[in-house]
Amino acid sequence: MTCWRTAETSPLRSWTALPAATQTHATGSVQEMGQLQIKLQRTQSAKTMNDDMNKALQALEKRNAELKQSEGKVKGANSELCTKMREIIQELDQEKQEAAQRYERTQQQMT
């Protein structure tokens, strides 16, 4: 069967006019195209996932850097507080010792 043109006037023929081997090859090509499209979709999907994961990773790395900076500030503040507490404790110990000495002198003066 030929298409509306005759084989003599046109090299084009209808699908059904193709030999069976050519039809099988064409069907295989259609299946291969379908498989390639599926692979392409999977690849595009994987690329999108990869891009999303890279964005998430960048956000996490940024957050990690912020937390490290914050940790440094907290450690510095903690160190300052510890130093200040030691100074206060030393002052209190000194005041306690002076109060004990005053008490002893007062007790000696009363006896």
PDB file of N, CA and C in Angstrom:
ATOM      1  N   MET A   1       0.846  -1.177   0.000  1.00  0.00           N
ATOM      2  CA  MET A   1       0.000   0.000   0.000  1.00  0.00           C
ATOM      3  C   MET A   1       0.888   1.235   0.000  1.00  0.00           C
ATOM      4  N   THR A   2       0.573   2.167  -0.811  1.00  0.00           N
ATOM      5  CA  THR A   2       1.327   3.398  -0.877  1.00  0.00           C
ATOM      6  C   THR A   2       0.459   4.533  -0.386  1.00  0.00           C
ATOM      7  N   CYS A   3       1.113   5.649  -0.051  1.00  0.00           N
ATOM      8  CA  CYS A   3       0.341   6.807   0.372  1.00  0.00           C
ATOM      9  C   CYS A   3      -0.349   7.429  -0.831  1.00  0.00           C
ATOM     10  N   TRP A   4      -0.967   8.557  -0.683  1.00  0.00           N
ATOM     11  CA  TRP A   4      -1.759   9.134  -1.757  1.00  0.00           C
ATOM     12  C   TRP A   4      -0.947   9.397  -3.009  1.00  0.00           C
ATOM     13  N   ARG A   5       0.377   9.567  -2.870  1.00  0.00           N
ATOM     14  CA  ARG A   5       1.223   9.664  -4.057  1.00  0.00           C
ATOM     15  C   ARG A   5       1.668   8.259  -4.450  1.00  0.00           C
ATOM     16  N   THR A   6       1.985   8.116  -5.629  1.00  0.00           N
ATOM     17  CA  THR A   6       2.444   6.797  -6.061  1.00  0.00           C
ATOM     18  C   THR A   6       3.928   6.690  -5.779  1.00  0.00           C
ATOM     19  N   ALA A   7       4.402   5.476  -5.703  1.00  0.00           N
ATOM     20  CA  ALA A   7       5.808   5.233  -5.424  1.00  0.00           C
ATOM     21  C   ALA A   7       6.685   5.822  -6.512  1.00  0.00           C
ATOM     22  N   GLU A   8       6.143   5.923  -7.711  1.00  0.00           N
ATOM     23  CA  GLU A   8       6.939   6.474  -8.812  1.00  0.00           C
ATOM     24  C   GLU A   8       7.149   7.974  -8.649  1.00  0.00           C
ATOM     25  N   THR A   9       6.171   8.699  -8.068  1.00  0.00           N
ATOM     26  CA  THR A   9       6.278  10.150  -7.971  1.00  0.00           C
ATOM     27  C   THR A   9       6.875  10.613  -6.644  1.00  0.00           C
ATOM     28  N   SER A  10       6.850   9.757  -5.623  1.00  0.00           N
ATOM     29  CA  SER A  10       7.354  10.173  -4.318  1.00  0.00           C
ATOM     30  C   SER A  10       8.044   9.004  -3.625  1.00  0.00           C
ATOM     31  N   PRO A  11       9.170   9.280  -2.989  1.00  0.00           N
ATOM     32  CA  PRO A  11       9.845   8.197  -2.254  1.00  0.00           C
ATOM     33  C   PRO A  11       9.142   7.900  -0.932  1.00  0.00           C
ATOM     34  N   LEU A  12       8.201   8.747  -0.499  1.00  0.00           N
ATOM     35  CA  LEU A  12       7.510   8.528   0.760  1.00  0.00           C
ATOM     36  C   LEU A  12       6.450   7.466   0.590  1.00  0.00           C
ATOM     37  N   ARG A  13       6.360   6.608   1.599  1.00  0.00           N
ATOM     38  CA  ARG A  13       5.323   5.595   1.602  1.00  0.00           C
ATOM     39  C   ARG A  13       4.669   5.587   2.961  1.00  0.00           C
ATOM     40  N   SER A  14       3.482   5.098   3.087  1.00  0.00           N
ATOM     41  CA  SER A  14       2.799   5.048   4.372  1.00  0.00           C
ATOM     42  C   SER A  14       3.467   4.009   5.262  1.00  0.00           C
ATOM     43  N   TRP A  15       3.162   4.073   6.547  1.00  0.00           N
ATOM     44  CA  TRP A  15       3.733   3.159   7.540  1.00  0.00           C
ATOM     45  C   TRP A  15       3.462   1.725   7.164  1.00  0.00           C
ATOM     46  N   THR A  16       2.264   1.433   6.746  1.00  0.00           N
ATOM     47  CA  THR A  16       1.902   0.047   6.426  1.00  0.00           C
ATOM     48  C   THR A  16       2.567  -0.417   5.156  1.00  0.00           C
ATOM     49  N   ALA A  17       3.033   0.520   4.342  1.00  0.00           N
ATOM     50  CA  ALA A  17       3.688   0.121   3.103  1.00  0.00           C
ATOM     51  C   ALA A  17       5.145  -0.243   3.330  1.00  0.00           C
ATOM     52  N   LEU A  18       5.688   0.043   4.545  1.00  0.00           N
ATOM     53  CA  LEU A  18       7.082  -0.295   4.824  1.00  0.00           C
ATOM     54  C   LEU A  18       7.222  -1.805   4.989  1.00  0.00           C
ATOM     55  N   PRO A  19       8.353  -2.328   4.606  1.00  0.00           N
ATOM     56  CA  PRO A  19       8.569  -3.768   4.806  1.00  0.00           C
ATOM     57  C   PRO A  19       8.519  -4.108   6.298  1.00  0.00           C
ATOM     58  N   ALA A  20       8.194  -5.337   6.622  1.00  0.00           N
ATOM     59  CA  ALA A  20       8.044  -5.788   8.005  1.00  0.00           C
ATOM     60  C   ALA A  20       9.324  -5.576   8.802  1.00  0.00           C
ATOM     61  N   ALA A  21      10.490  -5.814   8.224  1.00  0.00           N
ATOM     62  CA  ALA A  21      11.766  -5.641   8.916  1.00  0.00           C
ATOM     63  C   ALA A  21      11.961  -4.169   9.304  1.00  0.00           C
ATOM     64  N   THR A  22      11.581  -3.289   8.403  1.00  0.00           N
ATOM     65  CA  THR A  22      11.708  -1.866   8.682  1.00  0.00           C
ATOM     66  C   THR A  22      10.744  -1.461   9.786  1.00  0.00           C
ATOM     67  N   GLN A  23       9.511  -2.014   9.765  1.00  0.00           N
ATOM     68  CA  GLN A  23       8.535  -1.709  10.803  1.00  0.00           C
ATOM     69  C   GLN A  23       9.045  -2.182  12.166  1.00  0.00           C
ATOM     70  N   THR A  24       9.633  -3.372  12.229  1.00  0.00           N
ATOM     71  CA  THR A  24      10.173  -3.907  13.470  1.00  0.00           C
ATOM     72  C   THR A  24      11.309  -3.019  13.962  1.00  0.00           C
ATOM     73  N   HIS A  25      12.182  -2.617  13.049  1.00  0.00           N
ATOM     74  CA  HIS A  25      13.291  -1.735  13.410  1.00  0.00           C
ATOM     75  C   HIS A  25      12.754  -0.401  13.919  1.00  0.00           C
ATOM     76  N   ALA A  26      11.745   0.115  13.252  1.00  0.00           N
ATOM     77  CA  ALA A  26      11.152   1.385  13.671  1.00  0.00           C
ATOM     78  C   ALA A  26      10.484   1.241  15.031  1.00  0.00           C
ATOM     79  N   THR A  27       9.804   0.117  15.270  1.00  0.00           N
ATOM     80  CA  THR A  27       9.181  -0.123  16.566  1.00  0.00           C
ATOM     81  C   THR A  27      10.245  -0.201  17.647  1.00  0.00           C
ATOM     82  N   GLY A  28      11.348  -0.868  17.348  1.00  0.00           N
ATOM     83  CA  GLY A  28      12.459  -0.929  18.295  1.00  0.00           C
ATOM     84  C   GLY A  28      13.015   0.454  18.573  1.00  0.00           C
ATOM     85  N   SER A  29      13.104   1.279  17.537  1.00  0.00           N
ATOM     86  CA  SER A  29      13.591   2.642  17.712  1.00  0.00           C
ATOM     87  C   SER A  29      12.651   3.452  18.589  1.00  0.00           C
ATOM     88  N   VAL A  30      11.346   3.241  18.421  1.00  0.00           N
ATOM     89  CA  VAL A  30      10.366   3.938  19.247  1.00  0.00           C
ATOM     90  C   VAL A  30      10.537   3.507  20.699  1.00  0.00           C
ATOM     91  N   GLN A  31      10.728   2.224  20.920  1.00  0.00           N
ATOM     92  CA  GLN A  31      10.946   1.727  22.279  1.00  0.00           C
ATOM     93  C   GLN A  31      12.238   2.287  22.857  1.00  0.00           C
ATOM     94  N   GLU A  32      13.276   2.330  22.035  1.00  0.00           N
ATOM     95  CA  GLU A  32      14.540   2.893  22.490  1.00  0.00           C
ATOM     96  C   GLU A  32      14.381   4.368  22.829  1.00  0.00           C
ATOM     97  N   MET A  33      13.611   5.093  22.007  1.00  0.00           N
ATOM     98  CA  MET A  33      13.354   6.505  22.286  1.00  0.00           C
ATOM     99  C   MET A  33      12.624   6.654  23.612  1.00  0.00           C
ATOM    100  N   GLY A  34      11.651   5.799  23.845  1.00  0.00           N
ATOM    101  CA  GLY A  34      10.917   5.831  25.111  1.00  0.00           C
ATOM    102  C   GLY A  34      11.843   5.584  26.288  1.00  0.00           C
ATOM    103  N   GLN A  35      12.725   4.604  26.132  1.00  0.00           N
ATOM    104  CA  GLN A  35      13.675   4.302  27.202  1.00  0.00           C
ATOM    105  C   GLN A  35      14.646   5.461  27.411  1.00  0.00           C
ATOM    106  N   LEU A  36      15.075   6.070  26.307  1.00  0.00           N
ATOM    107  CA  LEU A  36      15.974   7.218  26.417  1.00  0.00           C
ATOM    108  C   LEU A  36      15.277   8.398  27.097  1.00  0.00           C
ATOM    109  N   GLN A  37      13.996   8.590  26.788  1.00  0.00           N
ATOM    110  CA  GLN A  37      13.248   9.672  27.440  1.00  0.00           C
ATOM    111  C   GLN A  37      13.126   9.415  28.939  1.00  0.00           C
ATOM    112  N   ILE A  38      12.888   8.155  29.304  1.00  0.00           N
ATOM    113  CA  ILE A  38      12.809   7.797  30.724  1.00  0.00           C
ATOM    114  C   ILE A  38      14.148   8.062  31.398  1.00  0.00           C
ATOM    115  N   LYS A  39      15.232   7.652  30.738  1.00  0.00           N
ATOM    116  CA  LYS A  39      16.569   7.897  31.298  1.00  0.00           C
ATOM    117  C   LYS A  39      16.829   9.394  31.427  1.00  0.00           C
ATOM    118  N   LEU A  40      16.404  10.169  30.432  1.00  0.00           N
ATOM    119  CA  LEU A  40      16.580  11.613  30.475  1.00  0.00           C
ATOM    120  C   LEU A  40      15.806  12.215  31.644  1.00  0.00           C
ATOM    121  N   GLN A  41      14.574  11.781  31.833  1.00  0.00           N
ATOM    122  CA  GLN A  41      13.767  12.274  32.947  1.00  0.00           C
ATOM    123  C   GLN A  41      14.421  11.925  34.279  1.00  0.00           C
ATOM    124  N   ARG A  42      14.925  10.692  34.384  1.00  0.00           N
ATOM    125  CA  ARG A  42      15.595  10.283  35.622  1.00  0.00           C
ATOM    126  C   ARG A  42      16.849  11.113  35.855  1.00  0.00           C
ATOM    127  N   THR A  43      17.589  11.360  34.793  1.00  0.00           N
ATOM    128  CA  THR A  43      18.805  12.163  34.899  1.00  0.00           C
ATOM    129  C   THR A  43      18.469  13.587  35.325  1.00  0.00           C
ATOM    130  N   GLN A  44      17.427  14.155  34.712  1.00  0.00           N
ATOM    131  CA  GLN A  44      17.008  15.509  35.079  1.00  0.00           C
ATOM    132  C   GLN A  44      16.531  15.554  36.524  1.00  0.00           C
ATOM    133  N   SER A  45      15.800  14.513  36.921  1.00  0.00           N
ATOM    134  CA  SER A  45      15.325  14.435  38.303  1.00  0.00           C
ATOM    135  C   SER A  45      16.508  14.323  39.267  1.00  0.00           C
ATOM    136  N   ALA A  46      17.486  13.507  38.909  1.00  0.00           N
ATOM    137  CA  ALA A  46      18.675  13.350  39.755  1.00  0.00           C
ATOM    138  C   ALA A  46      19.450  14.663  39.823  1.00  0.00           C
ATOM    139  N   LYS A  47      19.528  15.372  38.692  1.00  0.00           N
ATOM    140  CA  LYS A  47      20.223  16.661  38.687  1.00  0.00           C
ATOM    141  C   LYS A  47      19.502  17.656  39.586  1.00  0.00           C
ATOM    142  N   THR A  48      18.191  17.680  39.507  1.00  0.00           N
ATOM    143  CA  THR A  48      17.408  18.577  40.366  1.00  0.00           C
ATOM    144  C   THR A  48      17.640  18.237  41.835  1.00  0.00           C
ATOM    145  N   MET A  49      17.616  16.932  42.141  1.00  0.00           N
ATOM    146  CA  MET A  49      17.867  16.508  43.526  1.00  0.00           C
ATOM    147  C   MET A  49      19.275  16.909  43.950  1.00  0.00           C
ATOM    148  N   ASN A  50      20.232  16.740  43.064  1.00  0.00           N
ATOM    149  CA  ASN A  50      21.621  17.092  43.363  1.00  0.00           C
ATOM    150  C   ASN A  50      21.739  18.596  43.621  1.00  0.00           C
ATOM    151  N   ASP A  51      21.083  19.392  42.776  1.00  0.00           N
ATOM    152  CA  ASP A  51      21.098  20.844  42.976  1.00  0.00           C
ATOM    153  C   ASP A  51      20.474  21.213  44.319  1.00  0.00           C
ATOM    154  N   ASP A  52      19.342  20.581  44.629  1.00  0.00           N
ATOM    155  CA  ASP A  52      18.674  20.842  45.908  1.00  0.00           C
ATOM    156  C   ASP A  52      19.571  20.457  47.085  1.00  0.00           C
ATOM    157  N   MET A  53      20.236  19.326  46.957  1.00  0.00           N
ATOM    158  CA  MET A  53      21.123  18.866  48.033  1.00  0.00           C
ATOM    159  C   MET A  53      22.319  19.811  48.178  1.00  0.00           C
ATOM    160  N   ASN A  54      22.837  20.312  47.056  1.00  0.00           N
ATOM    161  CA  ASN A  54      23.953  21.264  47.123  1.00  0.00           C
ATOM    162  C   ASN A  54      23.516  22.551  47.813  1.00  0.00           C
ATOM    163  N   LYS A  55      22.298  23.023  47.508  1.00  0.00           N
ATOM    164  CA  LYS A  55      21.789  24.219  48.175  1.00  0.00           C
ATOM    165  C   LYS A  55      21.639  23.968  49.671  1.00  0.00           C
ATOM    166  N   ALA A  56      21.101  22.800  50.026  1.00  0.00           N
ATOM    167  CA  ALA A  56      20.934  22.459  51.444  1.00  0.00           C
ATOM    168  C   ALA A  56      22.297  22.367  52.121  1.00  0.00           C
ATOM    169  N   LEU A  57      23.264  21.777  51.444  1.00  0.00           N
ATOM    170  CA  LEU A  57      24.617  21.659  51.995  1.00  0.00           C
ATOM    171  C   LEU A  57      25.232  23.039  52.219  1.00  0.00           C
ATOM    172  N   GLN A  58      25.070  23.936  51.254  1.00  0.00           N
ATOM    173  CA  GLN A  58      25.596  25.292  51.408  1.00  0.00           C
ATOM    174  C   GLN A  58      24.945  25.995  52.591  1.00  0.00           C
ATOM    175  N   ALA A  59      23.629  25.806  52.739  1.00  0.00           N
ATOM    176  CA  ALA A  59      22.929  26.425  53.869  1.00  0.00           C
ATOM    177  C   ALA A  59      23.444  25.861  55.192  1.00  0.00           C
ATOM    178  N   LEU A  60      23.665  24.545  55.236  1.00  0.00           N
ATOM    179  CA  LEU A  60      24.179  23.918  56.455  1.00  0.00           C
ATOM    180  C   LEU A  60      25.608  24.374  56.759  1.00  0.00           C
ATOM    181  N   GLU A  61      26.423  24.496  55.721  1.00  0.00           N
ATOM    182  CA  GLU A  61      27.795  24.967  55.931  1.00  0.00           C
ATOM    183  C   GLU A  61      27.799  26.403  56.450  1.00  0.00           C
ATOM    184  N   LYS A  62      26.910  27.237  55.909  1.00  0.00           N
ATOM    185  CA  LYS A  62      26.793  28.617  56.386  1.00  0.00           C
ATOM    186  C   LYS A  62      26.359  28.630  57.845  1.00  0.00           C
ATOM    187  N   ARG A  63      25.354  27.819  58.174  1.00  0.00           N
ATOM    188  CA  ARG A  63      24.860  27.749  59.555  1.00  0.00           C
ATOM    189  C   ARG A  63      25.956  27.240  60.483  1.00  0.00           C
ATOM    190  N   ASN A  64      26.721  26.256  60.026  1.00  0.00           N
ATOM    191  CA  ASN A  64      27.828  25.714  60.822  1.00  0.00           C
ATOM    192  C   ASN A  64      28.868  26.796  61.103  1.00  0.00           C
ATOM    193  N   ALA A  65      29.190  27.596  60.093  1.00  0.00           N
ATOM    194  CA  ALA A  65      30.155  28.682  60.287  1.00  0.00           C
ATOM    195  C   ALA A  65      29.614  29.702  61.293  1.00  0.00           C
ATOM    196  N   GLU A  66      28.316  30.017  61.183  1.00  0.00           N
ATOM    197  CA  GLU A  66      27.706  30.953  62.133  1.00  0.00           C
ATOM    198  C   GLU A  66      27.763  30.394  63.556  1.00  0.00           C
ATOM    199  N   LEU A  67      27.476  29.105  63.684  1.00  0.00           N
ATOM    200  CA  LEU A  67      27.505  28.482  65.012  1.00  0.00           C
ATOM    201  C   LEU A  67      28.914  28.453  65.589  1.00  0.00           C
ATOM    202  N   LYS A  68      29.909  28.200  64.736  1.00  0.00           N
ATOM    203  CA  LYS A  68      31.291  28.213  65.217  1.00  0.00           C
ATOM    204  C   LYS A  68      31.685  29.609  65.693  1.00  0.00           C
ATOM    205  N   GLN A  69      31.264  30.620  64.951  1.00  0.00           N
ATOM    206  CA  GLN A  69      31.552  31.990  65.358  1.00  0.00           C
ATOM    207  C   GLN A  69      30.858  32.299  66.684  1.00  0.00           C
ATOM    208  N   SER A  70      29.618  31.877  66.789  1.00  0.00           N
ATOM    209  CA  SER A  70      28.862  32.088  68.022  1.00  0.00           C
ATOM    210  C   SER A  70      29.499  31.328  69.179  1.00  0.00           C
ATOM    211  N   GLU A  71      29.970  30.125  68.903  1.00  0.00           N
ATOM    212  CA  GLU A  71      30.635  29.326  69.940  1.00  0.00           C
ATOM    213  C   GLU A  71      31.878  30.049  70.445  1.00  0.00           C
ATOM    214  N   GLY A  72      32.630  30.636  69.542  1.00  0.00           N
ATOM    215  CA  GLY A  72      33.823  31.391  69.934  1.00  0.00           C
ATOM    216  C   GLY A  72      33.467  32.557  70.844  1.00  0.00           C
ATOM    217  N   LYS A  73      32.375  33.252  70.493  1.00  0.00           N
ATOM    218  CA  LYS A  73      31.937  34.372  71.334  1.00  0.00           C
ATOM    219  C   LYS A  73      31.512  33.878  72.715  1.00  0.00           C
ATOM    220  N   VAL A  74      30.791  32.767  72.756  1.00  0.00           N
ATOM    221  CA  VAL A  74      30.328  32.219  74.040  1.00  0.00           C
ATOM    222  C   VAL A  74      31.517  31.772  74.878  1.00  0.00           C
ATOM    223  N   LYS A  75      32.496  31.134  74.250  1.00  0.00           N
ATOM    224  CA  LYS A  75      33.688  30.713  74.998  1.00  0.00           C
ATOM    225  C   LYS A  75      34.430  31.917  75.562  1.00  0.00           C
ATOM    226  N   GLY A  76      34.534  32.979  74.772  1.00  0.00           N
ATOM    227  CA  GLY A  76      35.196  34.196  75.251  1.00  0.00           C
ATOM    228  C   GLY A  76      34.457  34.799  76.435  1.00  0.00           C
ATOM    229  N   ALA A  77      33.129  34.873  76.313  1.00  0.00           N
ATOM    230  CA  ALA A  77      32.321  35.420  77.413  1.00  0.00           C
ATOM    231  C   ALA A  77      32.433  34.539  78.647  1.00  0.00           C
ATOM    232  N   ASN A  78      32.438  33.229  78.460  1.00  0.00           N
ATOM    233  CA  ASN A  78      32.567  32.296  79.575  1.00  0.00           C
ATOM    234  C   ASN A  78      33.915  32.478  80.271  1.00  0.00           C
ATOM    235  N   SER A  79      34.952  32.650  79.493  1.00  0.00           N
ATOM    236  CA  SER A  79      36.284  32.856  80.063  1.00  0.00           C
ATOM    237  C   SER A  79      36.325  34.141  80.897  1.00  0.00           C
ATOM    238  N   GLU A  80      35.709  35.188  80.354  1.00  0.00           N
ATOM    239  CA  GLU A  80      35.659  36.450  81.104  1.00  0.00           C
ATOM    240  C   GLU A  80      34.889  36.281  82.407  1.00  0.00           C
ATOM    241  N   LEU A  81      33.772  35.568  82.358  1.00  0.00           N
ATOM    242  CA  LEU A  81      32.977  35.338  83.569  1.00  0.00           C
ATOM    243  C   LEU A  81      33.751  34.533  84.603  1.00  0.00           C
ATOM    244  N   CYS A  82      34.458  33.508  84.129  1.00  0.00           N
ATOM    245  CA  CYS A  82      35.251  32.696  85.068  1.00  0.00           C
ATOM    246  C   CYS A  82      36.324  33.544  85.742  1.00  0.00           C
ATOM    247  N   THR A  83      36.978  34.390  84.971  1.00  0.00           N
ATOM    248  CA  THR A  83      38.003  35.270  85.526  1.00  0.00           C
ATOM    249  C   THR A  83      37.390  36.210  86.559  1.00  0.00           C
ATOM    250  N   LYS A  84      36.253  36.807  86.201  1.00  0.00           N
ATOM    251  CA  LYS A  84      35.577  37.731  87.116  1.00  0.00           C
ATOM    252  C   LYS A  84      35.143  37.004  88.388  1.00  0.00           C
ATOM    253  N   MET A  85      34.640  35.771  88.267  1.00  0.00           N
ATOM    254  CA  MET A  85      34.219  35.006  89.447  1.00  0.00           C
ATOM    255  C   MET A  85      35.405  34.698  90.351  1.00  0.00           C
ATOM    256  N   ARG A  86      36.536  34.363  89.768  1.00  0.00           N
ATOM    257  CA  ARG A  86      37.736  34.102  90.574  1.00  0.00           C
ATOM    258  C   ARG A  86      38.134  35.354  91.352  1.00  0.00           C
ATOM    259  N   GLU A  87      38.083  36.488  90.663  1.00  0.00           N
ATOM    260  CA  GLU A  87      38.428  37.749  91.334  1.00  0.00           C
ATOM    261  C   GLU A  87      37.464  38.025  92.491  1.00  0.00           C
ATOM    262  N   ILE A  88      36.178  37.826  92.266  1.00  0.00           N
ATOM    263  CA  ILE A  88      35.181  38.067  93.316  1.00  0.00           C
ATOM    264  C   ILE A  88      35.401  37.124  94.487  1.00  0.00           C
ATOM    265  N   ILE A  89      35.685  35.862  94.196  1.00  0.00           N
ATOM    266  CA  ILE A  89      35.931  34.882  95.258  1.00  0.00           C
ATOM    267  C   ILE A  89      37.163  35.278  96.058  1.00  0.00           C
ATOM    268  N   GLN A  90      38.226  35.715  95.363  1.00  0.00           N
ATOM    269  CA  GLN A  90      39.434  36.159  96.066  1.00  0.00           C
ATOM    270  C   GLN A  90      39.129  37.367  96.958  1.00  0.00           C
ATOM    271  N   GLU A  91      38.343  38.301  96.435  1.00  0.00           N
ATOM    272  CA  GLU A  91      37.985  39.471  97.243  1.00  0.00           C
ATOM    273  C   GLU A  91      37.168  39.051  98.467  1.00  0.00           C
ATOM    274  N   LEU A  92      36.228  38.139  98.269  1.00  0.00           N
ATOM    275  CA  LEU A  92      35.415  37.664  99.395  1.00  0.00           C
ATOM    276  C   LEU A  92      36.265  36.930 100.422  1.00  0.00           C
ATOM    277  N   ASP A  93      37.203  36.105  99.937  1.00  0.00           N
ATOM    278  CA  ASP A  93      38.100  35.408 100.860  1.00  0.00           C
ATOM    279  C   ASP A  93      38.939  36.415 101.651  1.00  0.00           C
ATOM    280  N   GLN A  94      39.420  37.456 100.965  1.00  0.00           N
ATOM    281  CA  GLN A  94      40.204  38.500 101.636  1.00  0.00           C
ATOM    282  C   GLN A  94      39.350  39.210 102.690  1.00  0.00           C
ATOM    283  N   GLU A  95      38.115  39.566 102.305  1.00  0.00           N
ATOM    284  CA  GLU A  95      37.224  40.231 103.267  1.00  0.00           C
ATOM    285  C   GLU A  95      36.905  39.309 104.449  1.00  0.00           C
ATOM    286  N   LYS A  96      36.732  38.041 104.170  1.00  0.00           N
ATOM    287  CA  LYS A  96      36.442  37.071 105.239  1.00  0.00           C
ATOM    288  C   LYS A  96      37.629  36.987 106.198  1.00  0.00           C
ATOM    289  N   GLN A  97      38.816  36.921 105.628  1.00  0.00           N
ATOM    290  CA  GLN A  97      40.024  36.845 106.463  1.00  0.00           C
ATOM    291  C   GLN A  97      40.175  38.124 107.301  1.00  0.00           C
ATOM    292  N   GLU A  98      39.924  39.261 106.708  1.00  0.00           N
ATOM    293  CA  GLU A  98      40.018  40.530 107.451  1.00  0.00           C
ATOM    294  C   GLU A  98      38.961  40.588 108.566  1.00  0.00           C
ATOM    295  N   ALA A  99      37.767  40.095 108.271  1.00  0.00           N
ATOM    296  CA  ALA A  99      36.711  40.081 109.291  1.00  0.00           C
ATOM    297  C   ALA A  99      37.088  39.147 110.432  1.00  0.00           C
ATOM    298  N   ALA A 100      37.702  38.019 110.104  1.00  0.00           N
ATOM    299  CA  ALA A 100      38.123  37.083 111.147  1.00  0.00           C
ATOM    300  C   ALA A 100      39.212  37.721 112.004  1.00  0.00           C
ATOM    301  N   GLN A 101      40.136  38.440 111.399  1.00  0.00           N
ATOM    302  CA  GLN A 101      41.188  39.111 112.155  1.00  0.00           C
ATOM    303  C   GLN A 101      40.603  40.202 113.054  1.00  0.00           C
ATOM    304  N   ARG A 102      39.631  40.946 112.531  1.00  0.00           N
ATOM    305  CA  ARG A 102      38.985  41.981 113.371  1.00  0.00           C
ATOM    306  C   ARG A 102      38.273  41.336 114.555  1.00  0.00           C
ATOM    307  N   TYR A 103      37.629  40.231 114.311  1.00  0.00           N
ATOM    308  CA  TYR A 103      36.920  39.528 115.394  1.00  0.00           C
ATOM    309  C   TYR A 103      37.912  39.097 116.465  1.00  0.00           C
ATOM    310  N   GLU A 104      39.047  38.513 116.063  1.00  0.00           N
ATOM    311  CA  GLU A 104      40.066  38.080 117.022  1.00  0.00           C
ATOM    312  C   GLU A 104      40.596  39.262 117.831  1.00  0.00           C
ATOM    313  N   ARG A 105      40.862  40.378 117.185  1.00  0.00           N
ATOM    314  CA  ARG A 105      41.350  41.558 117.901  1.00  0.00           C
ATOM    315  C   ARG A 105      40.298  42.064 118.896  1.00  0.00           C
ATOM    316  N   THR A 106      39.048  42.039 118.452  1.00  0.00           N
ATOM    317  CA  THR A 106      37.979  42.469 119.348  1.00  0.00           C
ATOM    318  C   THR A 106      37.879  41.533 120.545  1.00  0.00           C
ATOM    319  N   GLN A 107      38.009  40.250 120.306  1.00  0.00           N
ATOM    320  CA  GLN A 107      37.930  39.270 121.386  1.00  0.00           C
ATOM    321  C   GLN A 107      39.107  39.462 122.334  1.00  0.00           C
ATOM    322  N   GLN A 108      40.283  39.752 121.826  1.00  0.00           N
ATOM    323  CA  GLN A 108      41.467  39.954 122.664  1.00  0.00           C
ATOM    324  C   GLN A 108      41.325  41.229 123.486  1.00  0.00           C
ATOM    325  N   GLN A 109      40.741  42.235 122.906  1.00  0.00           N
ATOM    326  CA  GLN A 109      40.558  43.485 123.630  1.00  0.00           C
ATOM    327  C   GLN A 109      39.526  43.326 124.753  1.00  0.00           C
ATOM    328  N   MET A 110      38.576  42.432 124.581  1.00  0.00           N
ATOM    329  CA  MET A 110      37.542  42.242 125.596  1.00  0.00           C
ATOM    330  C   MET A 110      38.062  41.385 126.742  1.00  0.00           C
ATOM    331  N   THR A 111      39.070  40.642 126.546  1.00  0.00           N
ATOM    332  CA  THR A 111      39.565  39.798 127.622  1.00  0.00           C
ATOM    333  C   THR A 111      40.680  40.404 128.380  1.00  0.00           C
TER     334      THR A 111
END
